C-alpha atoms as a PDB file:
ATOM      1  CA  UNK A   1      12.830  13.031  -5.122  1.00  0.00           C
ATOM      2  CA  UNK A   2       9.133  14.456  -6.602  1.00  0.00           C
ATOM      3  CA  UNK A   3       5.957  14.541  -4.859  1.00  0.00           C
ATOM      4  CA  UNK A   4       3.912  11.651  -6.287  1.00  0.00           C
ATOM      5  CA  UNK A   5       0.910  11.916  -7.851  1.00  0.00           C
ATOM      6  CA  UNK A   6      -2.477  10.503  -6.025  1.00  0.00           C
ATOM      7  CA  UNK A   7      -5.287  10.530  -7.744  1.00  0.00           C
ATOM      8  CA  UNK A   8      -8.150  12.299  -5.497  1.00  0.00           C
ATOM      9  CA  UNK A   9     -10.762   9.423  -5.651  1.00  0.00           C
ATOM     10  CA  UNK A  10     -10.254   7.063  -7.916  1.00  0.00           C
ATOM     11  CA  UNK A  11     -12.976   3.849  -7.407  1.00  0.00           C
ATOM     12  CA  UNK A  12     -11.773   0.267  -8.779  1.00  0.00           C
ATOM     13  CA  UNK A  13      -9.102  -0.331  -5.575  1.00  0.00           C
ATOM     14  CA  UNK A  14      -8.452  -3.439  -5.321  1.00  0.00           C
ATOM     15  CA  UNK A  15      -7.547  -5.424  -2.429  1.00  0.00           C
ATOM     16  CA  UNK A  16      -6.021  -8.486  -0.864  1.00  0.00           C
ATOM     17  CA  UNK A  17      -4.346  -9.908   2.704  1.00  0.00           C
ATOM     18  CA  UNK A  18      -1.317 -12.353   2.560  1.00  0.00           C
ATOM     19  CA  UNK A  19      -2.692 -14.059   5.746  1.00  0.00           C
ATOM     20  CA  UNK A  20       1.129 -15.850   5.406  1.00  0.00           C
ATOM     21  CA  UNK A  21       3.178 -12.354   5.683  1.00  0.00           C
ATOM     22  CA  UNK A  22       0.076 -10.885   8.113  1.00  0.00           C
ATOM     23  CA  UNK A  23       0.465  -8.170   5.183  1.00  0.00           C
ATOM     24  CA  UNK A  24      -2.701  -5.979   3.306  1.00  0.00           C
ATOM     25  CA  UNK A  25      -1.681  -4.886  -0.558  1.00  0.00           C
ATOM     26  CA  UNK A  26      -4.150  -2.172  -2.247  1.00  0.00           C
ATOM     27  CA  UNK A  27      -3.895  -1.678  -5.284  1.00  0.00           C
ATOM     28  CA  UNK A  28      -5.443   1.613  -7.943  1.00  0.00           C
ATOM     29  CA  UNK A  29      -6.944  -0.648 -10.723  1.00  0.00           C
ATOM     30  CA  UNK A  30      -5.563  -4.124 -11.669  1.00  0.00           C
ATOM     31  CA  UNK A  31      -1.829  -4.637  -9.508  1.00  0.00           C
ATOM     32  CA  UNK A  32       0.984  -3.882 -11.487  1.00  0.00           C
ATOM     33  CA  UNK A  33       4.871  -3.501 -11.633  1.00  0.00           C
ATOM     34  CA  UNK A  34       6.010  -0.492  -9.649  1.00  0.00           C
ATOM     35  CA  UNK A  35       8.532   0.692  -7.805  1.00  0.00           C
ATOM     36  CA  UNK A  36       8.145   0.103  -3.875  1.00  0.00           C
ATOM     37  CA  UNK A  37       8.816   3.512  -1.582  1.00  0.00           C
ATOM     38  CA  UNK A  38       9.178   2.636   2.461  1.00  0.00           C
ATOM     39  CA  UNK A  39       7.990   5.513   4.196  1.00  0.00           C
ATOM     40  CA  UNK A  40       8.202   3.164   7.365  1.00  0.00           C
ATOM     41  CA  UNK A  41       5.998   1.900  10.079  1.00  0.00           C
ATOM     42  CA  UNK A  42       5.211  -0.511   7.515  1.00  0.00           C
ATOM     43  CA  UNK A  43       4.196   0.956   4.909  1.00  0.00           C
ATOM     44  CA  UNK A  44       5.535   0.611   1.442  1.00  0.00           C
ATOM     45  CA  UNK A  45       3.967   3.219  -1.095  1.00  0.00           C
ATOM     46  CA  UNK A  46       3.723   1.801  -4.897  1.00  0.00           C
ATOM     47  CA  UNK A  47       4.136   4.375  -8.047  1.00  0.00           C
ATOM     48  CA  UNK A  48       4.789   4.087 -11.215  1.00  0.00           C
ATOM     49  CA  UNK A  49       8.365   5.205 -12.256  1.00  0.00           C
ATOM     50  CA  UNK A  50       8.060   6.746 -15.196  1.00  0.00           C
ATOM     51  CA  UNK A  51       4.973   8.608 -14.199  1.00  0.00           C
ATOM     52  CA  UNK A  52       5.462   8.993 -10.019  1.00  0.00           C
ATOM     53  CA  UNK A  53       1.411   7.847  -9.910  1.00  0.00           C
ATOM     54  CA  UNK A  54       0.660   5.952  -6.810  1.00  0.00           C
ATOM     55  CA  UNK A  55      -0.624   2.504  -7.724  1.00  0.00           C
ATOM     56  CA  UNK A  56      -0.910   1.045  -4.388  1.00  0.00           C
ATOM     57  CA  UNK A  57       0.044   0.920  -0.787  1.00  0.00           C
ATOM     58  CA  UNK A  58       1.558  -2.105   1.436  1.00  0.00           C
ATOM     59  CA  UNK A  59       0.421  -2.412   4.861  1.00  0.00           C
ATOM     60  CA  UNK A  60       2.560  -4.821   7.212  1.00  0.00           C
ATOM     61  CA  UNK A  61       1.634  -6.233  10.100  1.00  0.00           C
ATOM     62  CA  UNK A  62      -1.955  -5.868  10.226  1.00  0.00           C
ATOM     63  CA  UNK A  63      -2.363  -8.259  12.920  1.00  0.00           C
ATOM     64  CA  UNK A  64      -0.206  -7.776  15.026  1.00  0.00           C
ATOM     65  CA  UNK A  65      -1.113  -3.298  14.462  1.00  0.00           C
ATOM     66  CA  UNK A  66      -4.786  -4.724  15.108  1.00  0.00           C
ATOM     67  CA  UNK A  67      -4.068  -6.795  18.396  1.00  0.00           C
ATOM     68  CA  UNK A  68      -2.346  -4.385  19.688  1.00  0.00           C
ATOM     69  CA  UNK A  69      -4.198  -2.017  19.334  1.00  0.00           C
ATOM     70  CA  UNK A  70      -7.348  -3.438  20.796  1.00  0.00           C
ATOM     71  CA  UNK A  71      -5.315  -4.415  23.544  1.00  0.00           C
ATOM     72  CA  UNK A  72      -4.424  -1.215  24.656  1.00  0.00           C
END
């Protein structure tokens, strides 16, 4: 797979936390459809298929990670 294109600075970031799924979703610009790439450890990168431009990231298990870190 060729490298994803990552913007160096984007001021329009949107985020949403789903408490039931314990997942944080961050989108570059307005959320849009894309391809998910699981990079491991509960992190999923989302990109536009045609341009390979990074459009978002999902982090799973946010509360669980924070609780574990606070207890370590």
